[in-house]
Amino acid sequence: MPKTSKSKLTLAQIKEAMTQFIPYLKSHTGGLEVVSWNSKTGTVEIKLQGACYSCILASITLKEVIEANLRQKYPEVKKVITIN
């Protein structure tokens, strides 16, 4: 039987997946930048921009929308954190 190699999640794939959130964040005069992906810990680091940086609901958007969607699409993702 041939060996199958497990494909590894890349930073580029995460950045591509994050583009789905850009229109929503822009509608609130905000944005985000994907800074890094640590495959060992399953952590994605992002910087919130514009109004998102100081929004009191940013933590909810981060966990309930961004992190939840990424984890559903990529089970390798364990958490998404901000580094602002």
C-alpha atoms as a PDB file:
ATOM      1  CA  MET A   1       0.000   0.000   0.000  1.00  0.00           C
ATOM      2  CA  PRO A   2       1.368   3.453  -0.844  1.00  0.00           C
ATOM      3  CA  LYS A   3       2.205   5.791   1.971  1.00  0.00           C
ATOM      4  CA  THR A   4      -0.034   8.839   2.286  1.00  0.00           C
ATOM      5  CA  SER A   5       1.417  12.044   3.601  1.00  0.00           C
ATOM      6  CA  LYS A   6      -0.663  14.236   5.834  1.00  0.00           C
ATOM      7  CA  SER A   7      -0.768  17.733   4.390  1.00  0.00           C
ATOM      8  CA  LYS A   8       0.340  20.454   6.738  1.00  0.00           C
ATOM      9  CA  LEU A   9      -1.623  23.606   7.288  1.00  0.00           C
ATOM     10  CA  THR A  10       0.287  26.656   6.067  1.00  0.00           C
ATOM     11  CA  LEU A  11       0.245  30.322   6.981  1.00  0.00           C
ATOM     12  CA  ALA A  12      -0.881  31.064   3.420  1.00  0.00           C
ATOM     13  CA  GLN A  13      -3.945  28.815   3.859  1.00  0.00           C
ATOM     14  CA  ILE A  14      -4.846  30.573   7.096  1.00  0.00           C
ATOM     15  CA  LYS A  15      -4.462  34.000   5.496  1.00  0.00           C
ATOM     16  CA  GLU A  16      -6.690  32.900   2.631  1.00  0.00           C
ATOM     17  CA  ALA A  17      -9.337  31.621   5.056  1.00  0.00           C
ATOM     18  CA  MET A  18      -9.234  34.912   6.960  1.00  0.00           C
ATOM     19  CA  THR A  19     -10.184  36.906   3.858  1.00  0.00           C
ATOM     20  CA  GLN A  20     -13.812  35.909   4.436  1.00  0.00           C
ATOM     21  CA  PHE A  21     -13.877  38.163   7.523  1.00  0.00           C
ATOM     22  CA  ILE A  22     -12.441  41.264   5.834  1.00  0.00           C
ATOM     23  CA  PRO A  23     -15.741  42.660   4.444  1.00  0.00           C
ATOM     24  CA  TYR A  24     -17.438  42.344   7.839  1.00  0.00           C
ATOM     25  CA  LEU A  25     -14.559  43.970   9.703  1.00  0.00           C
ATOM     26  CA  LYS A  26     -14.261  46.742   7.121  1.00  0.00           C
ATOM     27  CA  SER A  27     -17.969  47.493   7.497  1.00  0.00           C
ATOM     28  CA  HIS A  28     -17.112  48.349  11.108  1.00  0.00           C
ATOM     29  CA  THR A  29     -14.040  50.385  10.025  1.00  0.00           C
ATOM     30  CA  GLY A  30     -11.725  47.655  11.252  1.00  0.00           C
ATOM     31  CA  GLY A  31      -9.494  44.947   9.957  1.00  0.00           C
ATOM     32  CA  LEU A  32      -6.987  42.284  10.875  1.00  0.00           C
ATOM     33  CA  GLU A  33      -3.543  41.071   9.933  1.00  0.00           C
ATOM     34  CA  VAL A  34      -2.479  37.450  10.288  1.00  0.00           C
ATOM     35  CA  VAL A  35       0.954  37.563  11.895  1.00  0.00           C
ATOM     36  CA  SER A  36       1.936  33.954  12.510  1.00  0.00           C
ATOM     37  CA  TRP A  37       0.914  30.306  12.676  1.00  0.00           C
ATOM     38  CA  ASN A  38       2.511  27.917  15.178  1.00  0.00           C
ATOM     39  CA  SER A  39       1.742  24.363  14.081  1.00  0.00           C
ATOM     40  CA  LYS A  40       3.156  22.889  17.306  1.00  0.00           C
ATOM     41  CA  THR A  41       0.725  24.746  19.562  1.00  0.00           C
ATOM     42  CA  GLY A  42      -2.070  25.226  17.010  1.00  0.00           C
ATOM     43  CA  THR A  43      -2.004  28.978  17.624  1.00  0.00           C
ATOM     44  CA  VAL A  44      -2.769  31.696  15.080  1.00  0.00           C
ATOM     45  CA  GLU A  45      -1.598  35.187  16.039  1.00  0.00           C
ATOM     46  CA  ILE A  46      -3.380  38.197  14.582  1.00  0.00           C
ATOM     47  CA  LYS A  47      -3.286  41.970  14.959  1.00  0.00           C
ATOM     48  CA  LEU A  48      -6.584  43.791  15.070  1.00  0.00           C
ATOM     49  CA  GLN A  49      -6.658  47.053  13.148  1.00  0.00           C
ATOM     50  CA  GLY A  50      -8.746  50.189  13.003  1.00  0.00           C
ATOM     51  CA  ALA A  51     -11.879  50.247  15.143  1.00  0.00           C
ATOM     52  CA  CYS A  52     -11.478  46.524  15.900  1.00  0.00           C
ATOM     53  CA  TYR A  53      -8.371  47.279  17.950  1.00  0.00           C
ATOM     54  CA  SER A  54     -10.321  49.170  20.612  1.00  0.00           C
ATOM     55  CA  CYS A  55     -13.770  47.616  20.223  1.00  0.00           C
ATOM     56  CA  ILE A  56     -15.266  46.163  23.400  1.00  0.00           C
ATOM     57  CA  LEU A  57     -16.778  43.323  21.360  1.00  0.00           C
ATOM     58  CA  ALA A  58     -13.490  42.348  19.691  1.00  0.00           C
ATOM     59  CA  SER A  59     -12.888  39.401  22.024  1.00  0.00           C
ATOM     60  CA  ILE A  60     -16.322  37.981  21.193  1.00  0.00           C
ATOM     61  CA  THR A  61     -15.781  38.421  17.454  1.00  0.00           C
ATOM     62  CA  LEU A  62     -12.359  36.827  17.810  1.00  0.00           C
ATOM     63  CA  LYS A  63     -13.541  33.720  19.685  1.00  0.00           C
ATOM     64  CA  GLU A  64     -17.093  33.204  18.457  1.00  0.00           C
ATOM     65  CA  VAL A  65     -16.620  34.112  14.801  1.00  0.00           C
ATOM     66  CA  ILE A  66     -12.993  34.032  13.679  1.00  0.00           C
ATOM     67  CA  GLU A  67     -11.622  31.247  15.885  1.00  0.00           C
ATOM     68  CA  ALA A  68     -14.766  29.108  15.621  1.00  0.00           C
ATOM     69  CA  ASN A  69     -14.761  29.274  11.821  1.00  0.00           C
ATOM     70  CA  LEU A  70     -11.040  28.567  11.522  1.00  0.00           C
ATOM     71  CA  ARG A  71     -11.265  25.613  13.922  1.00  0.00           C
ATOM     72  CA  GLN A  72     -14.171  24.181  11.963  1.00  0.00           C
ATOM     73  CA  LYS A  73     -12.306  24.492   8.668  1.00  0.00           C
ATOM     74  CA  TYR A  74      -8.903  23.486  10.060  1.00  0.00           C
ATOM     75  CA  PRO A  75      -8.988  21.227  13.143  1.00  0.00           C
ATOM     76  CA  GLU A  76      -5.237  21.863  13.567  1.00  0.00           C
ATOM     77  CA  VAL A  77      -6.100  25.366  14.779  1.00  0.00           C
ATOM     78  CA  LYS A  78      -6.563  25.285  18.558  1.00  0.00           C
ATOM     79  CA  LYS A  79      -6.753  29.010  19.282  1.00  0.00           C
ATOM     80  CA  VAL A  80      -6.548  32.459  17.751  1.00  0.00           C
ATOM     81  CA  ILE A  81      -4.979  35.235  19.809  1.00  0.00           C
ATOM     82  CA  THR A  82      -4.339  38.935  19.322  1.00  0.00           C
ATOM     83  CA  ILE A  83      -0.882  40.374  19.813  1.00  0.00           C
ATOM     84  CA  ASN A  84      -1.775  44.088  19.753  1.00  0.00           C
END
